[in-house]
Amino acid sequence: MTSNTQTPHQPQSDPSGQPLVALPDEIAPVVPTFAEIGLHPSILQAVADTGYTVPTPIQAQALPSVMAGNDVMGAAQTGTGKTAAFTLPILHRLMPMANTSASPARHPIRALILTPTRELADQVYESVKRYGLKTPLRSTVVFGGVDIGPQKEALRNGCEVLIATPGRLLDHVEQRTVNLSQVGILVLDEADRMLDMGFLPDLDRIMRLLPAQRQTLLFSATFSNEIRKLGRTYLKNPVELEVAKRNATADTVTQIAYAMAGEAKRAAVVHLVKSRGLKQVIVFSNTKIGTSRLARQLELDGVRAESIHGDKSQADRMKALEAFKAGELEVLVATDVAARGLDVAGVPCVINYDLPHSAEDYVHRIGRTGRAGASGEAISLFSPSEEKYLIDIEKLIKAPVTRGVLQVPGELLARAPVREDTRPARAPRSGGERSSERGSERGNARNARPSRYSAPAKPIDEFFLKPYEPSPAAIAAAQTPAPVGKKPAMLAKRAVGLLLGGALKKAE
């Protein structure tokens, strides 16, 4: 297994837009530039236009192996440029088959990149577009949560590089809008997360659709024994690259954990954001319902927040993510759907509102800060029942997480959170300012007076409230004896017509 933990002599940047930090002179080796590695001139020009010349450690090792056609298993910390480590050599290998023909038949799918989440798929697509800008190679991305129509049209136009999530790719397979028979390169990005999300049956189906003779690449920030075993079933004699110790966290991230009761966590998040003046914070919650509820509570506490989770439409998720990147939101509350591939420059802090049940997810969560040499802070809020997860995390990263004490102002602790079933509708905005009324005050007012939207009360007739009293006619009818010897009219024998076999009766 090849291992390299060293970085360039001078601070540089990788093709993902992230600077490197040089180690001391005595251990800093000479790292080849992208030009020295031998990238195609068109791709090299696109990389140079972004201002990057020296690859990161994972790129320096992966590029020659991938360009040589080897199967590769690569492991590196988040934020070290894994995406460019496979997109650059893939584009290089496809250049001999590139053409400027307008015919879709001349642009079959030759490289397939699978990712576990929509956000990561979109990020990889942007990377492929950036580095393939000066080439005739076409690329497109397909994922769920959006209209499938435009994706069908893009596939009909042809593309050499397809980035997809497994579920949506199989949707296109079933509708016969995609042909994978000419795929020569397969990439499993964040393969461990795909298995965690239950994509193994989908992966098996996709593997059966691909040619047996292909190059397969597997990249992730963490490699469990199960992932290594699975990778060896998909890959042939893979070259294993690991530029950092397994499941390691970045040295630039300061980690601290605060013991906190369940209801006090919300107040702690508000206090941390306001007291430290944090402008971009990602807060991780374990559940979709909890994520939405926390975002609404933070809004009521004066913190600009939005949630992102799997139940939201892709349009809403992308809108929230763009607002967060643009600085319009202070807090982005997310489930683990955002822990992989969420690349936002300058995130100073991440907060684990809930500790993840899987220790590997902790590594990916805190990897959203302190990316590629920048400093960052990872704060975890844990209740007594969650301390076992913190112990599992320490065992995985082989390092203790500092315990601290967080003093939260009493007024924040006394402010009761709004519950889902009693949360009032938002008041109309006036002049861009939110109403200062709290849920409890509005709830009390609503109970004290009828709603202006309720239907007008109808007058009540007291007649319907009195007990039943029989009328004199009903009493007289009840006391009248029934006639004797006569049958009721309903029981009288009816005549049967001749046509039905009856006979005329003689008059008595």
Protein backbone atom coordinates (compact mmCIF):
# COMPACT_ATOMS: atom_id res chain seq x y z
CA MET A 1 0.00 0.00 0.00
CA THR A 2 1.30 3.41 -0.90
CA SER A 3 1.21 6.12 1.73
CA ASN A 4 2.21 9.76 1.60
CA THR A 5 1.46 12.29 4.30
CA GLN A 6 3.75 15.03 3.02
CA THR A 7 2.73 18.26 1.35
CA PRO A 8 4.48 20.70 -1.00
CA HIS A 9 7.32 22.96 0.11
CA GLN A 10 5.40 26.18 -0.56
CA PRO A 11 1.72 26.89 0.14
CA GLN A 12 -0.18 26.03 -3.03
CA SER A 13 -3.75 25.28 -4.00
CA ASP A 14 -5.45 22.22 -5.46
CA PRO A 15 -7.81 22.21 -8.45
CA SER A 16 -10.79 22.29 -6.08
CA GLY A 17 -9.81 25.81 -5.05
CA GLN A 18 -8.28 25.02 -1.67
CA PRO A 19 -4.76 26.08 -0.51
CA LEU A 20 -2.21 23.69 0.87
CA VAL A 21 -0.07 24.16 3.95
CA ALA A 22 3.62 23.35 3.64
CA LEU A 23 5.36 21.28 6.27
CA PRO A 24 8.84 22.12 7.58
CA ASP A 25 11.67 22.22 5.04
CA GLU A 26 13.40 19.09 6.20
CA ILE A 27 10.45 16.84 5.32
CA ALA A 28 8.91 18.72 2.38
CA PRO A 29 9.60 16.72 -0.80
CA VAL A 30 9.65 17.99 -4.34
CA VAL A 31 6.14 17.47 -5.70
CA PRO A 32 5.71 17.33 -9.49
CA THR A 33 3.51 19.95 -11.08
CA PHE A 34 0.46 19.09 -13.17
CA ALA A 35 2.52 19.77 -16.28
CA GLU A 36 5.21 17.34 -15.14
CA ILE A 37 2.61 14.66 -14.47
CA GLY A 38 1.71 14.78 -18.16
CA LEU A 39 -1.90 15.95 -18.34
CA HIS A 40 -3.34 16.68 -21.78
CA PRO A 41 -2.60 20.29 -22.82
CA SER A 42 -6.27 21.24 -23.04
CA ILE A 43 -6.94 19.99 -19.51
CA LEU A 44 -3.70 21.49 -18.26
CA GLN A 45 -4.76 24.87 -19.64
CA ALA A 46 -8.09 24.69 -17.79
CA VAL A 47 -6.25 23.86 -14.56
CA ALA A 48 -3.77 26.68 -15.12
CA ASP A 49 -6.59 29.16 -15.75
CA THR A 50 -7.78 28.52 -12.21
CA GLY A 51 -4.31 29.31 -10.87
CA TYR A 52 -3.24 25.89 -9.62
CA THR A 53 0.05 24.25 -10.49
CA VAL A 54 0.96 21.80 -7.71
CA PRO A 55 -1.31 18.82 -6.90
CA THR A 56 -2.31 17.72 -3.43
CA PRO A 57 -0.83 14.49 -2.02
CA ILE A 58 -3.81 12.36 -3.06
CA GLN A 59 -3.74 13.91 -6.53
CA ALA A 60 0.03 13.44 -6.90
CA GLN A 61 -0.40 9.71 -6.21
CA ALA A 62 -3.74 9.07 -7.94
CA LEU A 63 -3.17 10.88 -11.24
CA PRO A 64 -0.30 8.70 -12.54
CA SER A 65 -2.03 5.45 -11.49
CA VAL A 66 -5.39 6.40 -13.02
CA MET A 67 -3.77 7.75 -16.19
CA ALA A 68 -1.95 4.40 -16.53
CA GLY A 69 -5.32 2.56 -16.51
CA ASN A 70 -5.00 0.91 -13.08
CA ASP A 71 -7.88 0.25 -10.72
CA VAL A 72 -7.44 2.50 -7.69
CA MET A 73 -8.73 2.61 -4.13
CA GLY A 74 -7.96 6.05 -2.68
CA ALA A 75 -8.45 7.24 0.88
CA ALA A 76 -7.80 10.77 2.09
CA GLN A 77 -9.22 13.30 4.49
CA THR A 78 -12.06 15.47 3.30
CA GLY A 79 -11.03 18.71 1.66
CA THR A 80 -7.85 17.31 0.11
CA GLY A 81 -8.99 17.34 -3.52
CA LYS A 82 -10.27 13.79 -4.06
CA THR A 83 -12.72 15.00 -6.73
CA ALA A 84 -9.98 16.41 -8.93
CA ALA A 85 -7.90 13.29 -8.23
CA PHE A 86 -10.24 11.28 -10.47
CA THR A 87 -11.86 13.89 -12.73
CA LEU A 88 -8.56 15.14 -14.16
CA PRO A 89 -7.14 11.73 -15.19
CA ILE A 90 -10.55 10.60 -16.51
CA LEU A 91 -10.73 13.58 -18.85
CA HIS A 92 -7.11 12.92 -19.86
CA ARG A 93 -7.88 9.30 -20.76
CA LEU A 94 -10.96 10.28 -22.78
CA MET A 95 -9.21 12.91 -24.89
CA PRO A 96 -8.08 10.47 -27.64
CA MET A 97 -11.79 9.70 -28.25
CA ALA A 98 -12.97 13.33 -28.11
CA ASN A 99 -14.60 14.78 -31.22
CA THR A 100 -16.53 17.85 -32.25
CA SER A 101 -19.30 15.99 -34.10
CA ALA A 102 -22.84 17.16 -33.45
CA SER A 103 -24.15 13.60 -33.66
CA PRO A 104 -25.14 12.14 -30.25
CA ALA A 105 -23.93 8.74 -31.48
CA ARG A 106 -20.38 10.11 -31.52
CA HIS A 107 -20.67 11.00 -27.81
CA PRO A 108 -21.50 7.74 -25.97
CA ILE A 109 -21.13 7.42 -22.20
CA ARG A 110 -17.54 6.35 -21.60
CA ALA A 111 -17.13 7.30 -17.92
CA LEU A 112 -19.72 6.82 -15.16
CA ILE A 113 -19.32 8.52 -11.76
CA LEU A 114 -21.69 7.38 -8.99
CA THR A 115 -22.24 9.46 -5.87
CA PRO A 116 -24.51 8.86 -2.84
CA THR A 117 -26.16 12.31 -2.68
CA ARG A 118 -27.56 14.86 -5.07
CA GLU A 119 -25.37 17.64 -3.69
CA LEU A 120 -22.21 15.63 -4.20
CA ALA A 121 -23.29 14.69 -7.73
CA ASP A 122 -23.80 18.34 -8.60
CA GLN A 123 -20.41 19.26 -7.12
CA VAL A 124 -18.61 16.59 -9.14
CA TYR A 125 -20.44 17.75 -12.27
CA GLU A 126 -19.23 21.31 -11.74
CA SER A 127 -15.67 20.01 -11.36
CA VAL A 128 -15.91 18.01 -14.60
CA LYS A 129 -17.30 21.03 -16.46
CA ARG A 130 -14.55 23.28 -15.14
CA TYR A 131 -11.65 21.07 -16.16
CA GLY A 132 -13.23 19.95 -19.44
CA LEU A 133 -14.10 23.48 -20.52
CA LYS A 134 -11.45 23.59 -23.26
CA THR A 135 -12.20 20.11 -24.58
CA PRO A 136 -15.03 18.83 -26.82
CA LEU A 137 -15.98 16.27 -24.16
CA ARG A 138 -19.58 16.45 -22.99
CA SER A 139 -20.86 15.79 -19.49
CA THR A 140 -24.19 15.75 -17.68
CA VAL A 141 -25.59 14.89 -14.27
CA VAL A 142 -28.77 13.02 -13.28
CA PHE A 143 -30.24 12.74 -9.79
CA GLY A 144 -33.63 12.40 -8.16
CA GLY A 145 -35.90 15.06 -6.73
CA VAL A 146 -36.16 17.01 -10.01
CA ASP A 147 -38.02 16.64 -13.29
CA ILE A 148 -36.63 13.75 -15.30
CA GLY A 149 -37.58 15.35 -18.63
CA PRO A 150 -34.58 17.69 -19.04
CA GLN A 151 -32.29 14.84 -18.01
CA LYS A 152 -33.69 12.67 -20.81
CA GLU A 153 -33.03 15.43 -23.30
CA ALA A 154 -29.44 15.85 -22.09
CA LEU A 155 -28.83 12.11 -22.39
CA ARG A 156 -30.29 12.05 -25.90
CA ASN A 157 -27.79 14.73 -26.92
CA GLY A 158 -24.94 12.44 -25.86
CA CYS A 159 -22.24 12.79 -23.21
CA GLU A 160 -18.92 11.11 -22.53
CA VAL A 161 -19.01 11.65 -18.74
CA LEU A 162 -22.17 10.90 -16.75
CA ILE A 163 -22.44 11.75 -13.05
CA ALA A 164 -25.41 10.10 -11.33
CA THR A 165 -26.96 8.89 -8.12
CA PRO A 166 -27.76 5.15 -8.26
CA GLY A 167 -31.53 5.43 -7.92
CA ARG A 168 -32.06 7.98 -10.67
CA LEU A 169 -29.64 6.16 -12.97
CA LEU A 170 -31.75 3.02 -12.68
CA ASP A 171 -34.84 5.10 -13.45
CA HIS A 172 -33.23 6.05 -16.76
CA VAL A 173 -32.21 2.46 -17.37
CA GLU A 174 -35.82 1.30 -16.94
CA GLN A 175 -37.04 4.01 -19.31
CA ARG A 176 -34.29 3.12 -21.78
CA THR A 177 -32.94 6.65 -21.95
CA VAL A 178 -29.36 5.66 -21.08
CA ASN A 179 -26.94 3.17 -22.62
CA LEU A 180 -24.05 1.95 -20.46
CA SER A 181 -22.61 -0.58 -22.90
CA GLN A 182 -19.57 1.57 -23.75
CA VAL A 183 -18.59 2.62 -20.23
CA GLY A 184 -14.86 2.09 -19.82
CA ILE A 185 -14.31 3.92 -16.51
CA LEU A 186 -16.42 3.61 -13.35
CA VAL A 187 -15.98 5.77 -10.24
CA LEU A 188 -17.57 5.01 -6.86
CA ASP A 189 -17.27 8.28 -4.95
CA GLU A 190 -17.89 8.01 -1.19
CA ALA A 191 -18.63 4.31 -1.59
CA ASP A 192 -18.93 3.72 2.14
CA ARG A 193 -21.75 6.26 2.33
CA MET A 194 -23.53 4.55 -0.55
CA LEU A 195 -23.51 1.32 1.41
CA ASP A 196 -24.68 3.09 4.56
CA MET A 197 -27.61 4.48 2.59
CA GLY A 198 -28.60 1.03 1.33
CA PHE A 199 -27.43 1.37 -2.27
CA LEU A 200 -25.78 -2.06 -2.43
CA PRO A 201 -28.66 -3.73 -4.39
CA ASP A 202 -28.67 -0.78 -6.82
CA LEU A 203 -24.90 -1.01 -7.22
CA ASP A 204 -25.13 -4.71 -7.99
CA ARG A 205 -27.74 -4.03 -10.70
CA ILE A 206 -25.61 -1.29 -12.23
CA MET A 207 -22.49 -3.49 -12.21
CA ARG A 208 -24.29 -6.11 -14.27
CA LEU A 209 -25.07 -3.48 -16.91
CA LEU A 210 -21.45 -2.42 -17.37
CA PRO A 211 -18.81 -4.06 -19.54
CA ALA A 212 -16.59 -6.52 -17.68
CA GLN A 213 -13.48 -4.90 -19.13
CA ARG A 214 -13.37 -1.53 -17.46
CA GLN A 215 -11.32 0.59 -15.09
CA THR A 216 -12.86 1.02 -11.63
CA LEU A 217 -11.92 3.70 -9.10
CA LEU A 218 -13.11 3.90 -5.50
CA PHE A 219 -12.54 7.01 -3.39
CA SER A 220 -13.59 7.86 0.14
CA ALA A 221 -12.47 9.66 3.26
CA THR A 222 -12.82 6.51 5.36
CA PHE A 223 -12.17 2.85 4.61
CA SER A 224 -13.76 0.26 6.86
CA ASN A 225 -12.83 -3.39 6.50
CA GLU A 226 -16.18 -4.05 4.85
CA ILE A 227 -15.55 -1.36 2.25
CA ARG A 228 -12.10 -2.74 1.49
CA LYS A 229 -13.57 -6.20 1.03
CA LEU A 230 -16.32 -4.85 -1.22
CA GLY A 231 -13.84 -2.78 -3.21
CA ARG A 232 -11.79 -5.84 -3.97
CA THR A 233 -14.87 -7.56 -5.39
CA TYR A 234 -15.51 -4.66 -7.78
CA LEU A 235 -11.87 -3.82 -8.55
CA LYS A 236 -9.15 -5.92 -10.15
CA ASN A 237 -5.73 -5.81 -8.48
CA PRO A 238 -6.36 -2.28 -7.21
CA VAL A 239 -3.59 0.13 -6.30
CA GLU A 240 -4.36 1.28 -2.76
CA LEU A 241 -3.51 4.86 -1.92
CA GLU A 242 -3.81 6.33 1.55
CA VAL A 243 -2.31 9.73 2.23
CA ALA A 244 -3.31 9.88 5.89
CA LYS A 245 -3.98 7.40 8.63
CA ARG A 246 -7.35 5.73 8.46
CA ASN A 247 -10.36 7.65 9.75
CA ALA A 248 -8.14 10.59 10.72
CA THR A 249 -9.49 14.09 11.22
CA ALA A 250 -7.72 17.19 9.97
CA ASP A 251 -5.16 18.67 12.34
CA THR A 252 -6.49 22.13 11.56
CA VAL A 253 -9.88 21.36 13.17
CA THR A 254 -10.23 22.03 16.90
CA GLN A 255 -12.65 19.55 18.47
CA ILE A 256 -14.57 20.14 21.69
CA ALA A 257 -17.67 18.57 23.26
CA TYR A 258 -20.11 20.05 25.75
CA ALA A 259 -22.41 17.98 27.96
CA MET A 260 -25.85 19.44 27.40
CA ALA A 261 -29.42 18.43 28.26
CA GLY A 262 -31.81 17.98 25.36
CA GLU A 263 -33.80 21.21 25.70
CA ALA A 264 -30.66 23.27 26.39
CA LYS A 265 -29.02 22.37 23.08
CA ARG A 266 -31.09 24.87 21.10
CA ALA A 267 -30.16 27.65 23.52
CA ALA A 268 -26.51 26.61 23.25
CA VAL A 269 -26.59 26.90 19.44
CA VAL A 270 -28.12 30.39 19.64
CA HIS A 271 -25.54 31.44 22.23
CA LEU A 272 -22.60 30.12 20.20
CA VAL A 273 -23.73 31.83 17.00
CA LYS A 274 -24.51 35.20 18.59
CA SER A 275 -21.71 35.44 21.14
CA ARG A 276 -18.99 34.50 18.64
CA GLY A 277 -20.46 36.39 15.72
CA LEU A 278 -20.45 33.29 13.50
CA LYS A 279 -21.73 33.95 10.00
CA GLN A 280 -21.68 30.49 8.40
CA VAL A 281 -22.32 27.49 10.63
CA ILE A 282 -23.49 24.02 9.67
CA VAL A 283 -25.52 22.32 12.40
CA PHE A 284 -26.05 18.58 12.04
CA SER A 285 -29.15 16.80 13.32
CA ASN A 286 -29.95 13.10 13.03
CA THR A 287 -33.59 13.31 11.96
CA LYS A 288 -35.50 15.13 9.24
CA ILE A 289 -38.24 16.29 11.63
CA GLY A 290 -35.68 17.50 14.16
CA THR A 291 -33.81 19.38 11.44
CA SER A 292 -36.90 21.31 10.31
CA ARG A 293 -38.01 22.01 13.89
CA LEU A 294 -34.59 23.32 14.94
CA ALA A 295 -34.36 25.65 11.94
CA ARG A 296 -37.76 27.15 12.78
CA GLN A 297 -36.83 27.59 16.44
CA LEU A 298 -33.60 29.33 15.52
CA GLU A 299 -35.55 31.68 13.27
CA LEU A 300 -37.80 32.61 16.21
CA ASP A 301 -34.67 33.26 18.27
CA GLY A 302 -33.39 35.77 15.74
CA VAL A 303 -30.93 33.53 13.88
CA ARG A 304 -31.21 33.36 10.09
CA ALA A 305 -31.49 29.62 9.51
CA GLU A 306 -32.78 27.12 6.97
CA SER A 307 -32.93 23.33 6.91
CA ILE A 308 -31.83 20.81 4.31
CA HIS A 309 -32.79 17.13 4.40
CA GLY A 310 -33.98 14.26 2.24
CA ASP A 311 -37.70 15.07 2.38
CA LYS A 312 -37.20 18.49 0.83
CA SER A 313 -37.43 18.89 -2.91
CA GLN A 314 -34.17 19.27 -4.77
CA ALA A 315 -35.10 22.82 -5.74
CA ASP A 316 -35.58 23.79 -2.07
CA ARG A 317 -32.35 22.08 -1.09
CA MET A 318 -30.36 23.87 -3.77
CA LYS A 319 -32.00 27.18 -2.90
CA ALA A 320 -31.06 26.82 0.76
CA LEU A 321 -27.52 25.78 -0.12
CA GLU A 322 -27.03 28.73 -2.48
CA ALA A 323 -28.38 31.14 0.16
CA PHE A 324 -25.94 29.69 2.68
CA LYS A 325 -23.00 30.02 0.29
CA ALA A 326 -24.00 33.61 -0.47
CA GLY A 327 -23.98 34.50 3.24
CA GLU A 328 -27.72 35.10 3.45
CA LEU A 329 -28.04 32.44 6.17
CA GLU A 330 -26.12 32.21 9.43
CA VAL A 331 -26.98 28.58 10.09
CA LEU A 332 -27.68 25.67 7.77
CA VAL A 333 -29.32 22.83 9.72
CA ALA A 334 -28.73 19.56 7.91
CA THR A 335 -28.98 15.83 8.20
CA ASP A 336 -26.09 13.66 7.03
CA VAL A 337 -27.30 14.21 3.46
CA ALA A 338 -25.03 17.27 3.57
CA ALA A 339 -22.09 15.63 5.33
CA ARG A 340 -20.64 14.27 2.09
CA GLY A 341 -19.57 16.54 -0.71
CA LEU A 342 -20.86 19.80 0.76
CA ASP A 343 -18.07 22.15 -0.23
CA VAL A 344 -18.54 25.68 1.13
CA ALA A 345 -15.44 27.82 1.37
CA GLY A 346 -14.74 29.48 4.70
CA VAL A 347 -17.06 27.55 7.04
CA PRO A 348 -15.52 28.39 10.43
CA CYS A 349 -17.49 25.99 12.55
CA VAL A 350 -19.72 22.92 12.50
CA ILE A 351 -21.95 21.92 15.39
CA ASN A 352 -23.16 18.40 16.10
CA TYR A 353 -26.58 19.09 17.61
CA ASP A 354 -27.01 15.30 17.72
CA LEU A 355 -24.03 12.99 17.79
CA PRO A 356 -24.11 10.60 14.83
CA HIS A 357 -24.78 6.94 15.57
CA SER A 358 -22.02 6.02 13.13
CA ALA A 359 -18.59 7.25 14.16
CA GLU A 360 -17.49 7.46 10.51
CA ASP A 361 -20.18 10.09 9.90
CA TYR A 362 -18.51 12.27 12.54
CA VAL A 363 -15.35 12.36 10.44
CA HIS A 364 -17.29 13.51 7.40
CA ARG A 365 -19.32 16.06 9.35
CA ILE A 366 -16.35 17.90 10.83
CA GLY A 367 -14.64 17.70 7.45
CA ARG A 368 -16.94 20.53 6.31
CA THR A 369 -14.66 22.93 8.22
CA GLY A 370 -10.89 23.28 8.33
CA ARG A 371 -10.66 22.33 4.67
CA ALA A 372 -7.22 22.17 3.05
CA GLY A 373 -5.22 23.99 5.66
CA ALA A 374 -7.83 26.49 6.88
CA SER A 375 -8.56 26.52 10.60
CA GLY A 376 -11.93 25.37 11.87
CA GLU A 377 -13.81 24.26 14.95
CA ALA A 378 -16.05 21.26 15.52
CA ILE A 379 -18.42 21.54 18.48
CA SER A 380 -20.45 18.58 19.73
CA LEU A 381 -23.41 18.83 22.11
CA PHE A 382 -24.12 15.53 23.81
CA SER A 383 -26.68 14.40 26.35
CA PRO A 384 -25.92 11.63 28.88
CA SER A 385 -27.53 9.06 26.59
CA GLU A 386 -25.25 10.12 23.71
CA GLU A 387 -21.95 9.83 25.57
CA LYS A 388 -21.51 6.28 24.27
CA TYR A 389 -21.42 7.66 20.71
CA LEU A 390 -18.71 10.11 21.73
CA ILE A 391 -16.64 7.25 23.13
CA ASP A 392 -17.04 5.35 19.84
CA ILE A 393 -15.86 8.44 17.96
CA GLU A 394 -12.74 8.71 20.11
CA LYS A 395 -11.96 5.07 19.48
CA LEU A 396 -12.32 5.54 15.72
CA ILE A 397 -10.16 8.66 15.40
CA LYS A 398 -7.73 7.34 18.04
CA ALA A 399 -7.71 10.66 19.85
CA PRO A 400 -9.63 12.17 22.76
CA VAL A 401 -12.21 14.88 22.19
CA THR A 402 -11.78 17.71 24.68
CA ARG A 403 -14.65 18.08 27.15
CA GLY A 404 -15.65 21.63 28.01
CA VAL A 405 -18.22 23.57 30.00
CA LEU A 406 -20.48 26.00 28.16
CA GLN A 407 -22.24 28.72 30.13
CA VAL A 408 -25.54 29.51 28.42
CA PRO A 409 -27.43 32.68 29.46
CA GLY A 410 -30.47 32.03 31.60
CA GLU A 411 -32.85 33.96 29.36
CA LEU A 412 -32.07 31.61 26.48
CA LEU A 413 -32.62 28.55 28.65
CA ALA A 414 -35.92 29.92 29.97
CA ARG A 415 -37.29 30.50 26.49
CA ALA A 416 -39.45 27.47 25.74
CA PRO A 417 -39.16 26.00 22.26
CA VAL A 418 -42.20 25.99 19.98
CA ARG A 419 -43.76 22.58 19.53
CA GLU A 420 -44.90 21.24 16.19
CA ASP A 421 -48.58 20.85 17.11
CA THR A 422 -48.99 24.31 18.65
CA ARG A 423 -46.71 26.41 16.50
CA PRO A 424 -48.62 29.48 15.30
CA ALA A 425 -48.56 30.76 11.77
CA ARG A 426 -45.98 33.45 11.07
CA ALA A 427 -47.20 36.99 11.36
CA PRO A 428 -47.10 39.16 8.22
CA ARG A 429 -43.81 40.97 7.78
CA SER A 430 -43.75 44.73 7.99
CA GLY A 431 -40.85 46.61 6.47
CA GLY A 432 -38.77 43.44 6.27
CA GLU A 433 -38.80 42.94 10.07
CA ARG A 434 -40.15 39.81 11.72
CA SER A 435 -42.78 40.01 14.43
CA SER A 436 -41.34 40.03 17.94
CA GLU A 437 -44.24 38.01 19.36
CA ARG A 438 -43.29 34.58 20.64
CA GLY A 439 -45.26 31.41 20.20
CA SER A 440 -46.34 31.16 23.83
CA GLU A 441 -47.75 34.71 23.89
CA ARG A 442 -49.66 34.24 20.66
CA GLY A 443 -50.90 30.86 21.82
CA ASN A 444 -52.35 32.39 25.01
CA ALA A 445 -53.97 35.20 23.05
CA ARG A 446 -55.50 32.72 20.64
CA ASN A 447 -57.08 30.79 23.53
CA ALA A 448 -58.44 33.98 25.07
CA ARG A 449 -60.35 35.22 22.03
CA PRO A 450 -61.88 33.64 18.93
CA SER A 451 -59.86 33.65 15.75
CA ARG A 452 -60.75 36.27 13.19
CA TYR A 453 -60.70 33.51 10.60
CA SER A 454 -63.29 31.34 12.39
CA ALA A 455 -66.90 31.14 11.14
CA PRO A 456 -69.48 33.41 12.87
CA ALA A 457 -71.38 31.75 15.67
CA LYS A 458 -75.01 30.75 14.83
CA PRO A 459 -77.93 31.45 17.24
CA ILE A 460 -79.02 28.40 19.24
CA ASP A 461 -82.76 27.54 19.42
CA GLU A 462 -83.63 26.65 23.03
CA PHE A 463 -86.35 24.27 21.76
CA PHE A 464 -83.64 21.71 20.89
CA LEU A 465 -82.22 21.88 24.40
CA LYS A 466 -85.54 20.87 26.14
CA PRO A 467 -86.31 17.23 27.02
CA TYR A 468 -88.87 15.39 24.85
CA GLU A 469 -92.56 15.94 25.77
CA PRO A 470 -95.31 14.06 23.82
CA SER A 471 -98.07 16.17 22.25
CA PRO A 472 -101.81 15.71 23.26
CA ALA A 473 -102.56 14.05 19.89
CA ALA A 474 -99.83 11.51 20.44
CA ILE A 475 -101.16 10.77 23.94
CA ALA A 476 -104.74 10.27 22.63
CA ALA A 477 -103.57 7.96 19.84
CA ALA A 478 -101.69 5.87 22.33
CA GLN A 479 -104.76 5.48 24.55
CA THR A 480 -107.18 4.49 21.69
CA PRO A 481 -107.68 0.65 21.63
CA ALA A 482 -106.93 -1.14 18.35
CA PRO A 483 -109.99 -2.72 16.47
CA VAL A 484 -110.46 -6.46 17.05
CA GLY A 485 -111.00 -9.04 14.24
CA LYS A 486 -109.65 -7.03 11.42
CA LYS A 487 -106.25 -7.36 9.94
CA PRO A 488 -104.25 -4.30 9.35
CA ALA A 489 -104.43 -2.87 5.88
CA MET A 490 -100.85 -3.82 5.21
CA LEU A 491 -101.66 -7.50 5.89
CA ALA A 492 -104.81 -7.64 3.68
CA LYS A 493 -104.72 -10.28 0.95
CA ARG A 494 -104.16 -8.74 -2.44
CA ALA A 495 -105.80 -9.93 -5.65
CA VAL A 496 -103.64 -11.68 -8.22
CA GLY A 497 -104.12 -10.73 -11.86
CA LEU A 498 -105.31 -13.23 -14.48
CA LEU A 499 -102.16 -12.95 -16.44
CA LEU A 500 -100.27 -14.17 -13.37
CA GLY A 501 -102.47 -17.21 -12.86
CA GLY A 502 -105.02 -15.66 -10.53
CA ALA A 503 -108.82 -15.89 -10.70
CA LEU A 504 -111.49 -13.32 -10.26
CA LYS A 505 -113.14 -13.37 -6.89
CA LYS A 506 -116.90 -13.29 -6.66
CA ALA A 507 -118.32 -10.36 -4.88
CA GLU A 508 -119.40 -11.30 -1.42
